[in-house]
């Protein structure tokens, strides 16, 4: 009994769905970017009052500062990144601008 070899035939519908969805690598890059933004936001508490942050994100940022273990901080940053994915693009832009403005102020 020989093995049957099947070749995938690409439909036009398959190609369009692939181009619309981001790749796994792109998803990881976005997640890491949000974690970096979350870390910068966590270290500059003065920005928290000026930004309209959800309560869950504020609580997560407070918890990040409370942790001392490297691993706990890493996991908390992943959680902060997850919460930040739920924010609108306008909210993320305002957070990025506030962080950038704060960094320029300190320089």
N, C-alpha and C. Protein backbone atom coordinates (compact mmCIF):
# COMPACT_ATOMS: atom_id res chain seq x y z
N UNK A 1 0.84 -1.16 0.00
CA UNK A 1 0.00 0.00 0.00
C UNK A 1 0.90 1.24 0.00
N UNK A 2 0.78 2.04 -0.98
CA UNK A 2 1.64 3.23 -1.08
C UNK A 2 0.96 4.43 -0.43
N UNK A 3 1.80 5.37 -0.02
CA UNK A 3 1.28 6.58 0.59
C UNK A 3 0.73 7.50 -0.49
N UNK A 4 -0.33 8.16 -0.18
CA UNK A 4 -0.89 9.13 -1.11
C UNK A 4 -0.33 10.50 -0.78
N UNK A 5 0.06 11.21 -1.78
CA UNK A 5 0.59 12.56 -1.60
C UNK A 5 -0.44 13.56 -2.09
N UNK A 6 -0.80 14.44 -1.22
CA UNK A 6 -1.77 15.47 -1.56
C UNK A 6 -1.07 16.82 -1.60
N UNK A 7 -1.45 17.60 -2.55
CA UNK A 7 -0.88 18.94 -2.65
C UNK A 7 -2.00 19.93 -2.33
N UNK A 8 -1.66 20.89 -1.48
CA UNK A 8 -2.65 21.89 -1.11
C UNK A 8 -2.85 22.84 -2.28
N UNK A 9 -4.08 23.08 -2.58
CA UNK A 9 -4.41 24.02 -3.65
C UNK A 9 -4.88 25.31 -2.99
N UNK A 10 -4.14 26.36 -3.24
CA UNK A 10 -4.45 27.64 -2.61
C UNK A 10 -5.62 28.30 -3.32
N UNK A 11 -6.65 28.59 -2.55
CA UNK A 11 -7.79 29.33 -3.08
C UNK A 11 -7.54 30.82 -2.90
N UNK A 12 -8.29 31.61 -3.59
CA UNK A 12 -8.19 33.06 -3.42
C UNK A 12 -8.66 33.45 -2.02
N UNK A 13 -9.60 32.71 -1.46
CA UNK A 13 -10.09 33.01 -0.12
C UNK A 13 -9.03 32.74 0.94
N UNK A 14 -8.20 31.70 0.74
CA UNK A 14 -7.12 31.40 1.67
C UNK A 14 -6.07 32.49 1.68
N UNK A 15 -5.73 33.02 0.53
CA UNK A 15 -4.70 34.06 0.44
C UNK A 15 -5.16 35.35 1.10
N UNK A 16 -6.42 35.69 0.92
CA UNK A 16 -6.90 36.94 1.50
C UNK A 16 -6.97 36.85 3.02
N UNK A 17 -7.32 35.68 3.56
CA UNK A 17 -7.40 35.55 5.01
C UNK A 17 -6.01 35.58 5.63
N UNK A 18 -4.99 35.05 4.92
CA UNK A 18 -3.63 35.09 5.43
C UNK A 18 -3.07 36.49 5.46
N UNK A 19 -3.39 37.29 4.46
CA UNK A 19 -2.84 38.63 4.39
C UNK A 19 -3.50 39.56 5.42
N UNK A 20 -4.70 39.25 5.84
CA UNK A 20 -5.40 40.09 6.81
C UNK A 20 -4.93 39.82 8.24
N UNK A 21 -4.60 38.58 8.53
CA UNK A 21 -4.19 38.22 9.88
C UNK A 21 -2.69 38.47 10.05
N UNK A 22 -2.29 39.07 11.19
CA UNK A 22 -0.85 39.24 11.42
C UNK A 22 -0.20 37.90 11.74
N UNK A 23 1.07 37.80 11.38
CA UNK A 23 1.79 36.56 11.64
C UNK A 23 2.04 36.43 13.14
N UNK A 24 2.45 35.24 13.52
CA UNK A 24 2.73 34.97 14.93
C UNK A 24 3.87 35.86 15.42
N UNK A 25 4.88 36.04 14.58
CA UNK A 25 6.01 36.90 14.95
C UNK A 25 5.56 38.34 15.14
N UNK A 26 4.67 38.80 14.28
CA UNK A 26 4.16 40.17 14.40
C UNK A 26 3.36 40.34 15.69
N UNK A 27 2.59 39.33 16.06
CA UNK A 27 1.84 39.38 17.31
C UNK A 27 2.79 39.47 18.50
N UNK A 28 3.89 38.70 18.45
CA UNK A 28 4.86 38.73 19.54
C UNK A 28 5.56 40.07 19.62
N UNK A 29 5.91 40.65 18.46
CA UNK A 29 6.55 41.98 18.46
C UNK A 29 5.63 43.02 19.08
N UNK A 30 4.35 42.98 18.72
CA UNK A 30 3.39 43.93 19.28
C UNK A 30 3.26 43.74 20.79
N UNK A 31 3.21 42.48 21.23
CA UNK A 31 3.09 42.20 22.66
C UNK A 31 4.31 42.70 23.42
N UNK A 32 5.50 42.50 22.87
CA UNK A 32 6.72 42.99 23.53
C UNK A 32 6.77 44.51 23.56
N UNK A 33 6.29 45.15 22.48
CA UNK A 33 6.25 46.61 22.47
C UNK A 33 5.32 47.14 23.56
N UNK A 34 4.17 46.50 23.72
CA UNK A 34 3.23 46.92 24.76
C UNK A 34 3.81 46.68 26.15
N UNK A 35 4.57 45.61 26.32
CA UNK A 35 5.20 45.34 27.61
C UNK A 35 6.24 46.42 27.93
N UNK A 36 7.00 46.85 26.93
CA UNK A 36 7.99 47.91 27.15
C UNK A 36 7.32 49.22 27.50
N UNK A 37 6.22 49.53 26.82
CA UNK A 37 5.47 50.74 27.14
C UNK A 37 4.91 50.63 28.56
N UNK A 38 4.41 49.46 28.92
CA UNK A 38 3.88 49.24 30.26
C UNK A 38 4.95 49.39 31.33
N UNK A 39 6.17 48.94 31.04
CA UNK A 39 7.26 49.08 32.00
C UNK A 39 7.63 50.56 32.19
N UNK A 40 7.68 51.30 31.09
CA UNK A 40 7.97 52.74 31.20
C UNK A 40 6.86 53.46 31.97
N UNK A 41 5.63 53.05 31.72
CA UNK A 41 4.50 53.66 32.41
C UNK A 41 4.53 53.33 33.90
N UNK A 42 4.93 52.10 34.24
CA UNK A 42 4.97 51.69 35.64
C UNK A 42 6.04 52.46 36.41
N UNK A 43 7.14 52.78 35.76
CA UNK A 43 8.23 53.47 36.45
C UNK A 43 8.01 54.98 36.56
N UNK A 44 7.04 55.52 35.85
CA UNK A 44 6.75 56.95 35.96
C UNK A 44 5.34 57.14 36.51
N UNK A 45 5.24 57.07 37.82
CA UNK A 45 3.94 57.15 38.49
C UNK A 45 3.27 58.51 38.31
N UNK A 46 4.02 59.54 38.06
CA UNK A 46 3.43 60.86 37.90
C UNK A 46 2.48 60.93 36.71
N UNK A 47 2.66 60.05 35.73
CA UNK A 47 1.80 60.04 34.55
C UNK A 47 0.44 59.39 34.82
N UNK A 48 0.37 58.58 35.83
CA UNK A 48 -0.86 57.83 36.09
C UNK A 48 -2.05 58.75 36.32
N UNK A 49 -1.82 59.86 37.00
CA UNK A 49 -2.93 60.76 37.30
C UNK A 49 -3.36 61.57 36.08
N UNK A 50 -2.43 61.81 35.15
CA UNK A 50 -2.77 62.61 33.98
C UNK A 50 -3.46 61.80 32.90
N UNK A 51 -3.32 60.48 32.94
CA UNK A 51 -3.91 59.61 31.92
C UNK A 51 -5.19 58.95 32.42
N UNK A 52 -6.10 58.71 31.51
CA UNK A 52 -7.34 58.00 31.84
C UNK A 52 -7.10 56.51 31.67
N UNK A 53 -6.59 55.89 32.72
CA UNK A 53 -6.28 54.46 32.69
C UNK A 53 -7.40 53.67 33.34
N UNK A 54 -7.72 52.50 32.81
CA UNK A 54 -8.71 51.64 33.46
C UNK A 54 -8.21 51.21 34.85
N UNK A 55 -9.14 50.94 35.74
CA UNK A 55 -8.78 50.54 37.11
C UNK A 55 -7.94 49.26 37.13
N UNK A 56 -8.27 48.33 36.24
CA UNK A 56 -7.51 47.07 36.22
C UNK A 56 -6.05 47.33 35.84
N UNK A 57 -5.79 48.26 34.93
CA UNK A 57 -4.43 48.58 34.54
C UNK A 57 -3.69 49.31 35.66
N UNK A 58 -4.38 50.21 36.33
CA UNK A 58 -3.76 50.90 37.48
C UNK A 58 -3.36 49.90 38.57
N UNK A 59 -4.26 48.98 38.85
CA UNK A 59 -3.97 47.96 39.86
C UNK A 59 -2.77 47.10 39.44
N UNK A 60 -2.71 46.73 38.17
CA UNK A 60 -1.60 45.91 37.68
C UNK A 60 -0.29 46.69 37.77
N UNK A 61 -0.33 47.99 37.50
CA UNK A 61 0.89 48.81 37.59
C UNK A 61 1.36 48.92 39.04
N UNK A 62 0.40 49.08 39.98
CA UNK A 62 0.76 49.11 41.40
C UNK A 62 1.39 47.79 41.83
N UNK A 63 0.81 46.69 41.37
CA UNK A 63 1.34 45.37 41.72
C UNK A 63 2.76 45.19 41.16
N UNK A 64 3.01 45.69 39.96
CA UNK A 64 4.34 45.58 39.37
C UNK A 64 5.38 46.24 40.27
N UNK A 65 5.04 47.40 40.81
CA UNK A 65 5.99 48.10 41.68
C UNK A 65 6.18 47.39 43.01
N UNK A 66 5.17 46.65 43.43
CA UNK A 66 5.24 45.95 44.71
C UNK A 66 6.13 44.72 44.64
N UNK A 67 6.20 44.09 43.48
CA UNK A 67 6.98 42.86 43.34
C UNK A 67 8.48 43.16 43.37
N UNK A 68 9.24 42.21 43.95
CA UNK A 68 10.70 42.35 43.99
C UNK A 68 11.40 41.29 43.16
N UNK A 69 10.77 40.17 42.94
CA UNK A 69 11.36 39.07 42.19
C UNK A 69 11.36 39.41 40.69
N UNK A 70 12.47 39.08 40.03
CA UNK A 70 12.57 39.33 38.58
C UNK A 70 11.49 38.58 37.82
N UNK A 71 11.27 37.33 38.17
CA UNK A 71 10.28 36.51 37.47
C UNK A 71 8.86 37.05 37.69
N UNK A 72 8.58 37.49 38.89
CA UNK A 72 7.25 38.04 39.17
C UNK A 72 7.02 39.32 38.36
N UNK A 73 8.05 40.15 38.27
CA UNK A 73 7.94 41.38 37.48
C UNK A 73 7.75 41.06 36.00
N UNK A 74 8.45 40.04 35.52
CA UNK A 74 8.32 39.67 34.11
C UNK A 74 6.90 39.20 33.80
N UNK A 75 6.35 38.36 34.68
CA UNK A 75 4.98 37.87 34.47
C UNK A 75 3.97 39.01 34.58
N UNK A 76 4.22 39.93 35.50
CA UNK A 76 3.31 41.06 35.66
C UNK A 76 3.35 41.97 34.42
N UNK A 77 4.53 42.12 33.82
CA UNK A 77 4.62 42.91 32.59
C UNK A 77 3.84 42.24 31.46
N UNK A 78 3.85 40.92 31.42
CA UNK A 78 3.05 40.23 30.42
C UNK A 78 1.57 40.51 30.63
N UNK A 79 1.15 40.53 31.89
CA UNK A 79 -0.25 40.81 32.20
C UNK A 79 -0.59 42.26 31.85
N UNK A 80 0.32 43.18 32.13
CA UNK A 80 0.10 44.59 31.79
C UNK A 80 -0.03 44.72 30.27
N UNK A 81 0.82 44.02 29.52
CA UNK A 81 0.72 44.03 28.07
C UNK A 81 -0.62 43.51 27.58
N UNK A 82 -1.13 42.47 28.24
CA UNK A 82 -2.42 41.92 27.87
C UNK A 82 -3.53 42.95 28.11
N UNK A 83 -3.47 43.64 29.23
CA UNK A 83 -4.47 44.66 29.52
C UNK A 83 -4.37 45.82 28.53
N UNK A 84 -3.16 46.15 28.12
CA UNK A 84 -2.98 47.26 27.19
C UNK A 84 -3.45 46.90 25.79
N UNK A 85 -3.50 45.62 25.44
CA UNK A 85 -4.03 45.22 24.13
C UNK A 85 -5.51 45.53 24.03
N UNK A 86 -6.19 45.61 25.17
CA UNK A 86 -7.62 45.88 25.18
C UNK A 86 -7.94 47.37 25.04
N UNK A 87 -6.91 48.23 25.17
CA UNK A 87 -7.12 49.67 25.05
C UNK A 87 -7.33 50.07 23.60
N UNK A 88 -8.00 51.19 23.40
CA UNK A 88 -8.19 51.67 22.04
C UNK A 88 -6.88 52.26 21.52
N UNK A 89 -6.81 52.43 20.22
CA UNK A 89 -5.60 52.98 19.60
C UNK A 89 -5.37 54.42 20.07
N UNK A 90 -6.45 55.17 20.28
CA UNK A 90 -6.32 56.56 20.75
C UNK A 90 -5.73 56.60 22.17
N UNK A 91 -6.16 55.67 23.03
CA UNK A 91 -5.61 55.61 24.39
C UNK A 91 -4.13 55.25 24.36
N UNK A 92 -3.76 54.29 23.51
CA UNK A 92 -2.35 53.90 23.41
C UNK A 92 -1.49 55.06 22.89
N UNK A 93 -2.02 55.80 21.94
CA UNK A 93 -1.29 56.95 21.40
C UNK A 93 -1.08 58.00 22.48
N UNK A 94 -2.11 58.26 23.29
CA UNK A 94 -1.97 59.26 24.36
C UNK A 94 -0.96 58.79 25.42
N UNK A 95 -0.93 57.50 25.71
CA UNK A 95 0.04 56.96 26.67
C UNK A 95 1.45 57.11 26.12
N UNK A 96 1.64 56.75 24.83
CA UNK A 96 2.96 56.88 24.22
C UNK A 96 3.43 58.34 24.20
N UNK A 97 2.51 59.25 23.87
CA UNK A 97 2.86 60.67 23.85
C UNK A 97 3.24 61.17 25.23
N UNK A 98 2.49 60.76 26.25
CA UNK A 98 2.78 61.19 27.62
C UNK A 98 4.14 60.66 28.07
N UNK A 99 4.46 59.43 27.73
CA UNK A 99 5.76 58.85 28.10
C UNK A 99 6.88 59.59 27.37
N UNK A 100 6.68 59.83 26.08
CA UNK A 100 7.69 60.55 25.30
C UNK A 100 7.90 61.97 25.84
N UNK A 101 6.81 62.62 26.19
CA UNK A 101 6.88 63.97 26.76
C UNK A 101 7.61 63.95 28.10
N UNK A 102 7.34 62.94 28.91
CA UNK A 102 7.99 62.81 30.21
C UNK A 102 9.47 62.54 30.07
N UNK A 103 9.86 61.75 29.06
CA UNK A 103 11.29 61.47 28.83
C UNK A 103 12.01 62.71 28.35
N UNK A 104 11.37 63.52 27.52
CA UNK A 104 11.99 64.75 27.02
C UNK A 104 12.13 65.76 28.15
N UNK A 105 11.17 65.77 29.05
CA UNK A 105 11.20 66.68 30.18
C UNK A 105 12.38 66.37 31.11
N UNK A 106 12.66 65.07 31.28
CA UNK A 106 13.73 64.63 32.17
C UNK A 106 15.11 64.83 31.53
N UNK A 107 15.18 64.94 30.21
CA UNK A 107 16.48 65.08 29.54
C UNK A 107 17.05 66.46 29.63
